[in-house]
Amino acid sequence: MVQSRAARHPTKPMVIDPVRRLSYSELDSSTRVLAATLVGAGVGKGARVGLIMANGVRWVQIAIAVTRIGAVLVPLSTLLPPRELLAQLRVAAVQFLVTVEEFRGHRYVDDLRAALGLPLGAGELLGHPALPALRRVWTADRLTEIAAEAAPASIIDPLTRTVTGSDLFAIVFTSGSSGPPKGVLHSHASALGAVQSGLASRCIDAQTRLYLPLPFFWVGGLGGGVLSALLAGATLVTEAIPRPDTTLRLLERERVTLFRGWPSKPRR
């Protein structure tokens, strides 16, 4: 899908945040390199890759790189307390974790170490009995740095061709508003099919410039934003922390045509 969109709309912006933008062609080329980096580090088809990061261009790049080689994306909330994050990593059997160092006061790796009773800056998460599946942890910055040392990106196309509709695409946790969060399994076919069927009713097409503040780690952000834009060939505009003054400037600057958010958001 990424390749076909890049061929059809090479220079068109796919995703824009306040400081970065990425065309469909750039999305294709950059995610090939990131995917090759992941493969070189041992990530293969079916491997479960957790992602803790706020909305932005890099979130989309990493998520697409993971899923185009048949690995399973496990988007994790940036709002989770350490014990809940630990539980979701364990339940989803996350093997590889990509995280920002800090966001809104959360230092996720340090918080996990503290939750496990390990010394900050020294404790080793890998091999801990509470996280038996975990094999490797990267910061998002470190993953970008080692991309330059990746295996040739040409290996990615053959891997992409092995991915089928029945393969697992993502494990997305529910919000937990009515009980403990549950990890919902989405195949490539079910995720893309559900999003595709709703594009017309949500008025999203190739001319749409969609602003979406919903977190990408929930279905509303992943399906209603990232996958919707990809399937329609639209442009997605987002930001890590929506605020009235900065958001209004972003909407004007990027000529947004469709705003999709929480019902209370436009009234604030």
C-alpha atoms as a PDB file:
ATOM      1  CA  MET A   1       0.000   0.000   0.000  1.00  0.00           C
ATOM      2  CA  VAL A   2       2.793   2.440   0.876  1.00  0.00           C
ATOM      3  CA  GLN A   3       4.574   1.690  -2.408  1.00  0.00           C
ATOM      4  CA  SER A   4       1.431   2.168  -4.493  1.00  0.00           C
ATOM      5  CA  ARG A   5       0.642   5.468  -2.793  1.00  0.00           C
ATOM      6  CA  ALA A   6       4.235   6.631  -3.312  1.00  0.00           C
ATOM      7  CA  ALA A   7       3.986   5.794  -7.011  1.00  0.00           C
ATOM      8  CA  ARG A   8       0.678   7.641  -7.358  1.00  0.00           C
ATOM      9  CA  HIS A   9       1.365  10.668  -5.119  1.00  0.00           C
ATOM     10  CA  PRO A  10       5.175  10.874  -4.758  1.00  0.00           C
ATOM     11  CA  THR A  11       5.476  14.526  -3.689  1.00  0.00           C
ATOM     12  CA  LYS A  12       2.185  14.847  -1.846  1.00  0.00           C
ATOM     13  CA  PRO A  13       2.530  15.257   1.946  1.00  0.00           C
ATOM     14  CA  MET A  14       1.375  12.140   3.768  1.00  0.00           C
ATOM     15  CA  VAL A  15       1.896  13.288   7.360  1.00  0.00           C
ATOM     16  CA  ILE A  16       2.656  16.695   8.856  1.00  0.00           C
ATOM     17  CA  ASP A  17       3.411  17.711  12.426  1.00  0.00           C
ATOM     18  CA  PRO A  18       4.447  21.169  13.694  1.00  0.00           C
ATOM     19  CA  VAL A  19       8.135  20.636  12.874  1.00  0.00           C
ATOM     20  CA  ARG A  20       8.296  17.928  10.201  1.00  0.00           C
ATOM     21  CA  ARG A  21       6.502  16.764   7.088  1.00  0.00           C
ATOM     22  CA  LEU A  22       6.881  13.634   4.999  1.00  0.00           C
ATOM     23  CA  SER A  23       5.739  13.009   1.435  1.00  0.00           C
ATOM     24  CA  TYR A  24       4.425   9.641   0.299  1.00  0.00           C
ATOM     25  CA  SER A  25       7.704   9.007  -1.526  1.00  0.00           C
ATOM     26  CA  GLU A  26       9.718   9.936   1.567  1.00  0.00           C
ATOM     27  CA  LEU A  27       7.509   7.701   3.695  1.00  0.00           C
ATOM     28  CA  ASP A  28       8.233   4.780   1.380  1.00  0.00           C
ATOM     29  CA  SER A  29      11.999   5.314   1.294  1.00  0.00           C
ATOM     30  CA  SER A  30      12.446   6.128   4.991  1.00  0.00           C
ATOM     31  CA  THR A  31      10.367   3.190   6.181  1.00  0.00           C
ATOM     32  CA  ARG A  32      12.359   0.846   3.946  1.00  0.00           C
ATOM     33  CA  VAL A  33      15.515   1.937   5.760  1.00  0.00           C
ATOM     34  CA  LEU A  34      13.884   1.674   9.186  1.00  0.00           C
ATOM     35  CA  ALA A  35      12.453  -1.731   8.304  1.00  0.00           C
ATOM     36  CA  ALA A  36      15.904  -2.935   7.236  1.00  0.00           C
ATOM     37  CA  THR A  37      17.262  -1.669  10.559  1.00  0.00           C
ATOM     38  CA  LEU A  38      14.659  -3.686  12.425  1.00  0.00           C
ATOM     39  CA  VAL A  39      15.370  -6.807  10.377  1.00  0.00           C
ATOM     40  CA  GLY A  40      19.084  -6.440  11.057  1.00  0.00           C
ATOM     41  CA  ALA A  41      18.313  -6.284  14.775  1.00  0.00           C
ATOM     42  CA  GLY A  42      16.370  -9.537  14.682  1.00  0.00           C
ATOM     43  CA  VAL A  43      12.810  -8.313  14.150  1.00  0.00           C
ATOM     44  CA  GLY A  44      10.996 -10.716  11.852  1.00  0.00           C
ATOM     45  CA  LYS A  45       7.512 -11.534  10.692  1.00  0.00           C
ATOM     46  CA  GLY A  46       5.219 -12.040  13.672  1.00  0.00           C
ATOM     47  CA  ALA A  47       7.572 -10.356  16.160  1.00  0.00           C
ATOM     48  CA  ARG A  48       5.742  -8.004  18.507  1.00  0.00           C
ATOM     49  CA  VAL A  49       7.067  -4.459  18.610  1.00  0.00           C
ATOM     50  CA  GLY A  50       5.846  -2.031  21.259  1.00  0.00           C
ATOM     51  CA  LEU A  51       5.808   1.689  20.482  1.00  0.00           C
ATOM     52  CA  ILE A  52       5.568   4.435  23.111  1.00  0.00           C
ATOM     53  CA  MET A  53       5.536   7.821  21.431  1.00  0.00           C
ATOM     54  CA  ALA A  54       3.320  10.860  21.006  1.00  0.00           C
ATOM     55  CA  ASN A  55       1.666  11.710  17.685  1.00  0.00           C
ATOM     56  CA  GLY A  56       4.013  12.886  14.975  1.00  0.00           C
ATOM     57  CA  VAL A  57       5.864  12.024  11.797  1.00  0.00           C
ATOM     58  CA  ARG A  58       8.230   9.594  13.532  1.00  0.00           C
ATOM     59  CA  TRP A  59       5.349   7.597  15.032  1.00  0.00           C
ATOM     60  CA  VAL A  60       3.988   6.989  11.534  1.00  0.00           C
ATOM     61  CA  GLN A  61       7.416   6.085  10.140  1.00  0.00           C
ATOM     62  CA  ILE A  62       8.153   3.511  12.833  1.00  0.00           C
ATOM     63  CA  ALA A  63       4.664   1.987  12.722  1.00  0.00           C
ATOM     64  CA  ILE A  64       4.787   1.559   8.942  1.00  0.00           C
ATOM     65  CA  ALA A  65       8.316   0.138   9.073  1.00  0.00           C
ATOM     66  CA  VAL A  66       7.187  -2.454  11.625  1.00  0.00           C
ATOM     67  CA  THR A  67       4.089  -3.570   9.756  1.00  0.00           C
ATOM     68  CA  ARG A  68       5.529  -3.649   6.243  1.00  0.00           C
ATOM     69  CA  ILE A  69       7.830  -6.551   7.239  1.00  0.00           C
ATOM     70  CA  GLY A  70       4.983  -8.461   8.882  1.00  0.00           C
ATOM     71  CA  ALA A  71       5.944  -7.655  12.463  1.00  0.00           C
ATOM     72  CA  VAL A  72       3.100  -6.831  14.843  1.00  0.00           C
ATOM     73  CA  LEU A  73       2.649  -3.265  16.028  1.00  0.00           C
ATOM     74  CA  VAL A  74       1.729  -2.847  19.714  1.00  0.00           C
ATOM     75  CA  PRO A  75       0.988   0.862  20.211  1.00  0.00           C
ATOM     76  CA  LEU A  76       1.123   1.743  23.903  1.00  0.00           C
ATOM     77  CA  SER A  77      -0.407   4.723  25.650  1.00  0.00           C
ATOM     78  CA  THR A  78       1.920   7.533  26.655  1.00  0.00           C
ATOM     79  CA  LEU A  79      -0.364   8.046  29.673  1.00  0.00           C
ATOM     80  CA  LEU A  80       0.063   4.639  31.316  1.00  0.00           C
ATOM     81  CA  PRO A  81       1.319   4.428  34.904  1.00  0.00           C
ATOM     82  CA  PRO A  82       4.368   2.133  35.181  1.00  0.00           C
ATOM     83  CA  ARG A  83       2.455  -0.860  36.579  1.00  0.00           C
ATOM     84  CA  GLU A  84      -0.114  -0.729  33.772  1.00  0.00           C
ATOM     85  CA  LEU A  85       2.610  -0.345  31.153  1.00  0.00           C
ATOM     86  CA  LEU A  86       4.397  -3.351  32.612  1.00  0.00           C
ATOM     87  CA  ALA A  87       1.170  -5.373  32.499  1.00  0.00           C
ATOM     88  CA  GLN A  88       0.474  -4.507  28.851  1.00  0.00           C
ATOM     89  CA  LEU A  89       4.017  -5.330  27.776  1.00  0.00           C
ATOM     90  CA  ARG A  90       3.656  -8.702  29.457  1.00  0.00           C
ATOM     91  CA  VAL A  91       0.136  -9.477  28.166  1.00  0.00           C
ATOM     92  CA  ALA A  92       1.060  -8.580  24.578  1.00  0.00           C
ATOM     93  CA  ALA A  93       4.346 -10.520  24.854  1.00  0.00           C
ATOM     94  CA  VAL A  94       6.252  -7.540  23.455  1.00  0.00           C
ATOM     95  CA  GLN A  95       9.680  -8.638  22.226  1.00  0.00           C
ATOM     96  CA  PHE A  96      11.059  -5.317  21.012  1.00  0.00           C
ATOM     97  CA  LEU A  97      10.259  -1.912  22.465  1.00  0.00           C
ATOM     98  CA  VAL A  98      10.744   1.512  20.879  1.00  0.00           C
ATOM     99  CA  THR A  99      10.152   4.452  23.204  1.00  0.00           C
ATOM    100  CA  VAL A 100      10.861   8.134  23.550  1.00  0.00           C
ATOM    101  CA  GLU A 101      13.117   8.972  26.472  1.00  0.00           C
ATOM    102  CA  GLU A 102      10.619  11.369  28.043  1.00  0.00           C
ATOM    103  CA  PHE A 103       7.167  12.782  27.377  1.00  0.00           C
ATOM    104  CA  ARG A 104       5.145  14.987  29.709  1.00  0.00           C
ATOM    105  CA  GLY A 105       7.095  13.917  32.774  1.00  0.00           C
ATOM    106  CA  HIS A 106       7.122  10.199  31.946  1.00  0.00           C
ATOM    107  CA  ARG A 107      10.542   8.564  31.572  1.00  0.00           C
ATOM    108  CA  TYR A 108       9.300   5.192  30.421  1.00  0.00           C
ATOM    109  CA  VAL A 109      12.398   3.004  30.738  1.00  0.00           C
ATOM    110  CA  ASP A 110      13.276   4.470  34.133  1.00  0.00           C
ATOM    111  CA  ASP A 111       9.657   4.054  35.233  1.00  0.00           C
ATOM    112  CA  LEU A 112       9.703   0.391  34.209  1.00  0.00           C
ATOM    113  CA  ARG A 113      12.939  -0.194  36.099  1.00  0.00           C
ATOM    114  CA  ALA A 114      11.455   1.418  39.204  1.00  0.00           C
ATOM    115  CA  ALA A 115       8.297  -0.692  38.904  1.00  0.00           C
ATOM    116  CA  LEU A 116      10.486  -3.805  38.789  1.00  0.00           C
ATOM    117  CA  GLY A 117      12.608  -2.675  41.724  1.00  0.00           C
ATOM    118  CA  LEU A 118      15.719  -2.237  39.582  1.00  0.00           C
ATOM    119  CA  PRO A 119      18.270   0.553  40.148  1.00  0.00           C
ATOM    120  CA  LEU A 120      17.708   3.546  37.885  1.00  0.00           C
ATOM    121  CA  GLY A 121      20.250   3.748  35.095  1.00  0.00           C
ATOM    122  CA  ALA A 122      21.683   0.326  35.886  1.00  0.00           C
ATOM    123  CA  GLY A 123      18.927  -2.256  36.102  1.00  0.00           C
ATOM    124  CA  GLU A 124      18.487  -4.543  33.138  1.00  0.00           C
ATOM    125  CA  LEU A 125      14.974  -5.019  31.775  1.00  0.00           C
ATOM    126  CA  LEU A 126      15.963  -7.786  29.374  1.00  0.00           C
ATOM    127  CA  GLY A 127      15.632 -11.243  30.847  1.00  0.00           C
ATOM    128  CA  HIS A 128      13.585 -10.070  33.808  1.00  0.00           C
ATOM    129  CA  PRO A 129      10.985 -12.715  34.775  1.00  0.00           C
ATOM    130  CA  ALA A 130       8.221 -10.085  34.710  1.00  0.00           C
ATOM    131  CA  LEU A 131       8.973  -9.431  31.013  1.00  0.00           C
ATOM    132  CA  PRO A 132      10.022 -12.846  29.692  1.00  0.00           C
ATOM    133  CA  ALA A 133       9.480 -12.014  26.010  1.00  0.00           C
ATOM    134  CA  LEU A 134      11.409  -8.732  25.924  1.00  0.00           C
ATOM    135  CA  ARG A 135      14.618  -8.969  23.900  1.00  0.00           C
ATOM    136  CA  ARG A 136      15.604  -5.404  23.083  1.00  0.00           C
ATOM    137  CA  VAL A 137      14.750  -1.790  23.943  1.00  0.00           C
ATOM    138  CA  TRP A 138      15.570   1.246  21.809  1.00  0.00           C
ATOM    139  CA  THR A 139      14.926   4.918  22.249  1.00  0.00           C
ATOM    140  CA  ALA A 140      13.403   6.417  19.128  1.00  0.00           C
ATOM    141  CA  ASP A 141      16.498   8.583  18.666  1.00  0.00           C
ATOM    142  CA  ARG A 142      18.795   5.568  18.881  1.00  0.00           C
ATOM    143  CA  LEU A 143      16.731   3.666  16.315  1.00  0.00           C
ATOM    144  CA  THR A 144      17.109   6.588  13.920  1.00  0.00           C
ATOM    145  CA  GLU A 145      20.875   6.696  14.516  1.00  0.00           C
ATOM    146  CA  ILE A 146      21.450   3.029  13.763  1.00  0.00           C
ATOM    147  CA  ALA A 147      19.337   3.223  10.606  1.00  0.00           C
ATOM    148  CA  ALA A 148      22.486   4.376   8.809  1.00  0.00           C
ATOM    149  CA  GLU A 149      24.053   1.000   9.622  1.00  0.00           C
ATOM    150  CA  ALA A 150      21.079  -0.999   8.372  1.00  0.00           C
ATOM    151  CA  ALA A 151      21.060  -3.904   5.984  1.00  0.00           C
ATOM    152  CA  PRO A 152      20.323  -2.906   2.362  1.00  0.00           C
ATOM    153  CA  ALA A 153      16.750  -1.636   2.032  1.00  0.00           C
ATOM    154  CA  SER A 154      16.365  -3.844  -1.062  1.00  0.00           C
ATOM    155  CA  ILE A 155      15.696  -6.813   1.226  1.00  0.00           C
ATOM    156  CA  ILE A 156      12.403  -5.285   2.354  1.00  0.00           C
ATOM    157  CA  ASP A 157      10.306  -5.813  -0.790  1.00  0.00           C
ATOM    158  CA  PRO A 158      10.595  -9.633  -0.706  1.00  0.00           C
ATOM    159  CA  LEU A 159       9.652  -9.586   2.987  1.00  0.00           C
ATOM    160  CA  THR A 160       6.661  -7.347   2.304  1.00  0.00           C
ATOM    161  CA  ARG A 161       5.394  -9.792  -0.316  1.00  0.00           C
ATOM    162  CA  THR A 162       5.168 -12.536   2.323  1.00  0.00           C
ATOM    163  CA  VAL A 163       2.638 -10.549   4.384  1.00  0.00           C
ATOM    164  CA  THR A 164      -0.960 -11.723   3.900  1.00  0.00           C
ATOM    165  CA  GLY A 165      -4.321 -10.346   4.952  1.00  0.00           C
ATOM    166  CA  SER A 166      -4.682 -12.961   7.663  1.00  0.00           C
ATOM    167  CA  ASP A 167      -1.373 -12.026   9.312  1.00  0.00           C
ATOM    168  CA  LEU A 168      -1.563 -10.099  12.561  1.00  0.00           C
ATOM    169  CA  PHE A 169      -1.203  -6.357  12.010  1.00  0.00           C
ATOM    170  CA  ALA A 170      -1.534  -4.837  15.482  1.00  0.00           C
ATOM    171  CA  ILE A 171      -2.537  -5.430  19.079  1.00  0.00           C
ATOM    172  CA  VAL A 172      -4.390  -2.335  20.266  1.00  0.00           C
ATOM    173  CA  PHE A 173      -5.407  -2.020  23.896  1.00  0.00           C
ATOM    174  CA  THR A 174      -8.831  -0.714  24.838  1.00  0.00           C
ATOM    175  CA  SER A 175      -9.039   2.383  27.021  1.00  0.00           C
ATOM    176  CA  GLY A 176     -10.058   0.473  30.151  1.00  0.00           C
ATOM    177  CA  SER A 177     -12.943   2.815  30.943  1.00  0.00           C
ATOM    178  CA  SER A 178     -15.276  -0.080  31.791  1.00  0.00           C
ATOM    179  CA  GLY A 179     -12.750  -2.681  32.974  1.00  0.00           C
ATOM    180  CA  PRO A 180      -9.102  -3.685  32.614  1.00  0.00           C
ATOM    181  CA  PRO A 181      -7.699  -2.780  29.160  1.00  0.00           C
ATOM    182  CA  LYS A 182      -7.855  -5.660  26.699  1.00  0.00           C
ATOM    183  CA  GLY A 183      -5.430  -6.242  23.849  1.00  0.00           C
ATOM    184  CA  VAL A 184      -7.524  -6.531  20.679  1.00  0.00           C
ATOM    185  CA  LEU A 185      -5.976  -8.454  17.780  1.00  0.00           C
ATOM    186  CA  HIS A 186      -6.289  -6.874  14.328  1.00  0.00           C
ATOM    187  CA  SER A 187      -5.211  -8.652  11.152  1.00  0.00           C
ATOM    188  CA  HIS A 188      -4.085  -6.695   8.101  1.00  0.00           C
ATOM    189  CA  ALA A 189      -7.342  -7.534   6.323  1.00  0.00           C
ATOM    190  CA  SER A 190      -9.626  -6.667   9.224  1.00  0.00           C
ATOM    191  CA  ALA A 191      -7.871  -3.386  10.041  1.00  0.00           C
ATOM    192  CA  LEU A 192      -7.663  -2.139   6.470  1.00  0.00           C
ATOM    193  CA  GLY A 193     -11.114  -3.440   5.549  1.00  0.00           C
ATOM    194  CA  ALA A 194     -12.808  -1.713   8.473  1.00  0.00           C
ATOM    195  CA  VAL A 195     -11.103   1.587   7.707  1.00  0.00           C
ATOM    196  CA  GLN A 196     -11.751   1.363   3.960  1.00  0.00           C
ATOM    197  CA  SER A 197     -15.464   0.751   4.479  1.00  0.00           C
ATOM    198  CA  GLY A 198     -15.826   3.957   6.472  1.00  0.00           C
ATOM    199  CA  LEU A 199     -13.871   6.420   4.335  1.00  0.00           C
ATOM    200  CA  ALA A 200     -16.848   7.699   2.339  1.00  0.00           C
ATOM    201  CA  SER A 201     -19.079   8.188   5.384  1.00  0.00           C
ATOM    202  CA  ARG A 202     -16.258  10.088   7.098  1.00  0.00           C
ATOM    203  CA  CYS A 203     -15.716  12.275   4.012  1.00  0.00           C
ATOM    204  CA  ILE A 204     -12.073  11.293   3.564  1.00  0.00           C
ATOM    205  CA  ASP A 205     -10.639  11.144   0.044  1.00  0.00           C
ATOM    206  CA  ALA A 206      -7.426  12.008  -1.782  1.00  0.00           C
ATOM    207  CA  GLN A 207      -8.144  15.759  -1.565  1.00  0.00           C
ATOM    208  CA  THR A 208      -8.637  15.706   2.213  1.00  0.00           C
ATOM    209  CA  ARG A 209      -6.225  17.444   4.550  1.00  0.00           C
ATOM    210  CA  LEU A 210      -7.202  15.790   7.817  1.00  0.00           C
ATOM    211  CA  TYR A 211      -6.324  17.190  11.233  1.00  0.00           C
ATOM    212  CA  LEU A 212      -6.482  14.534  13.919  1.00  0.00           C
ATOM    213  CA  PRO A 213      -5.482  15.112  17.567  1.00  0.00           C
ATOM    214  CA  LEU A 214      -6.607  11.650  18.719  1.00  0.00           C
ATOM    215  CA  PRO A 215      -3.634   9.619  20.006  1.00  0.00           C
ATOM    216  CA  PHE A 216      -2.298   7.194  17.438  1.00  0.00           C
ATOM    217  CA  PHE A 217      -1.972   4.523  20.132  1.00  0.00           C
ATOM    218  CA  TRP A 218      -5.776   4.134  20.183  1.00  0.00           C
ATOM    219  CA  VAL A 219      -7.985   2.822  17.379  1.00  0.00           C
ATOM    220  CA  GLY A 220      -9.419   6.285  16.728  1.00  0.00           C
ATOM    221  CA  GLY A 221      -5.969   7.632  15.942  1.00  0.00           C
ATOM    222  CA  LEU A 222      -4.468   4.605  14.209  1.00  0.00           C
ATOM    223  CA  GLY A 223      -7.506   3.697  12.120  1.00  0.00           C
ATOM    224  CA  GLY A 224      -9.246   7.058  11.895  1.00  0.00           C
ATOM    225  CA  GLY A 225      -6.025   8.908  11.163  1.00  0.00           C
ATOM    226  CA  VAL A 226      -2.958   7.004   9.964  1.00  0.00           C
ATOM    227  CA  LEU A 227      -4.669   4.189   8.063  1.00  0.00           C
ATOM    228  CA  SER A 228      -7.447   6.446   6.755  1.00  0.00           C
ATOM    229  CA  ALA A 229      -4.933   8.846   5.245  1.00  0.00           C
ATOM    230  CA  LEU A 230      -2.912   6.021   3.687  1.00  0.00           C
ATOM    231  CA  LEU A 231      -5.906   4.262   2.176  1.00  0.00           C
ATOM    232  CA  ALA A 232      -7.423   7.464   0.797  1.00  0.00           C
ATOM    233  CA  GLY A 233      -4.159   9.023  -0.322  1.00  0.00           C
ATOM    234  CA  ALA A 234      -4.963  11.980   1.931  1.00  0.00           C
ATOM    235  CA  THR A 235      -2.729  14.250   4.008  1.00  0.00           C
ATOM    236  CA  LEU A 236      -2.704  13.789   7.790  1.00  0.00           C
ATOM    237  CA  VAL A 237      -1.912  16.722  10.086  1.00  0.00           C
ATOM    238  CA  THR A 238      -1.293  16.051  13.767  1.00  0.00           C
ATOM    239  CA  GLU A 239       0.605  17.239  16.850  1.00  0.00           C
ATOM    240  CA  ALA A 240       1.844  15.771  20.108  1.00  0.00           C
ATOM    241  CA  ILE A 241       0.080  18.197  22.457  1.00  0.00           C
ATOM    242  CA  PRO A 242      -2.910  20.093  21.019  1.00  0.00           C
ATOM    243  CA  ARG A 243      -3.347  23.602  22.412  1.00  0.00           C
ATOM    244  CA  PRO A 244      -5.857  26.205  21.167  1.00  0.00           C
ATOM    245  CA  ASP A 245      -3.321  28.804  20.020  1.00  0.00           C
ATOM    246  CA  THR A 246      -0.813  26.453  18.379  1.00  0.00           C
ATOM    247  CA  THR A 247      -3.503  24.213  16.897  1.00  0.00           C
ATOM    248  CA  LEU A 248      -5.319  27.103  15.216  1.00  0.00           C
ATOM    249  CA  ARG A 249      -2.077  28.283  13.628  1.00  0.00           C
ATOM    250  CA  LEU A 250      -1.341  24.738  12.444  1.00  0.00           C
ATOM    251  CA  LEU A 251      -4.825  24.366  10.938  1.00  0.00           C
ATOM    252  CA  GLU A 252      -4.453  27.643   9.065  1.00  0.00           C
ATOM    253  CA  ARG A 253      -0.889  27.020   7.905  1.00  0.00           C
ATOM    254  CA  GLU A 254      -1.640  23.550   6.551  1.00  0.00           C
ATOM    255  CA  ARG A 255      -5.046  24.461   5.046  1.00  0.00           C
ATOM    256  CA  VAL A 256      -6.839  21.686   6.878  1.00  0.00           C
ATOM    257  CA  THR A 257     -10.173  20.716   5.308  1.00  0.00           C
ATOM    258  CA  LEU A 258     -11.416  18.184   7.874  1.00  0.00           C
ATOM    259  CA  PHE A 259     -11.106  18.278  11.668  1.00  0.00           C
ATOM    260  CA  ARG A 260     -11.769  15.057  13.559  1.00  0.00           C
ATOM    261  CA  GLY A 261     -11.453  15.142  17.339  1.00  0.00           C
ATOM    262  CA  TRP A 262     -13.352  14.745  20.572  1.00  0.00           C
ATOM    263  CA  PRO A 263     -16.797  16.418  20.662  1.00  0.00           C
ATOM    264  CA  SER A 264     -15.607  18.860  23.330  1.00  0.00           C
ATOM    265  CA  LYS A 265     -12.378  19.812  21.535  1.00  0.00           C
ATOM    266  CA  PRO A 266     -13.725  22.429  19.045  1.00  0.00           C
ATOM    267  CA  ARG A 267     -15.604  24.231  21.835  1.00  0.00           C
ATOM    268  CA  ARG A 268     -12.536  24.836  23.996  1.00  0.00           C
END
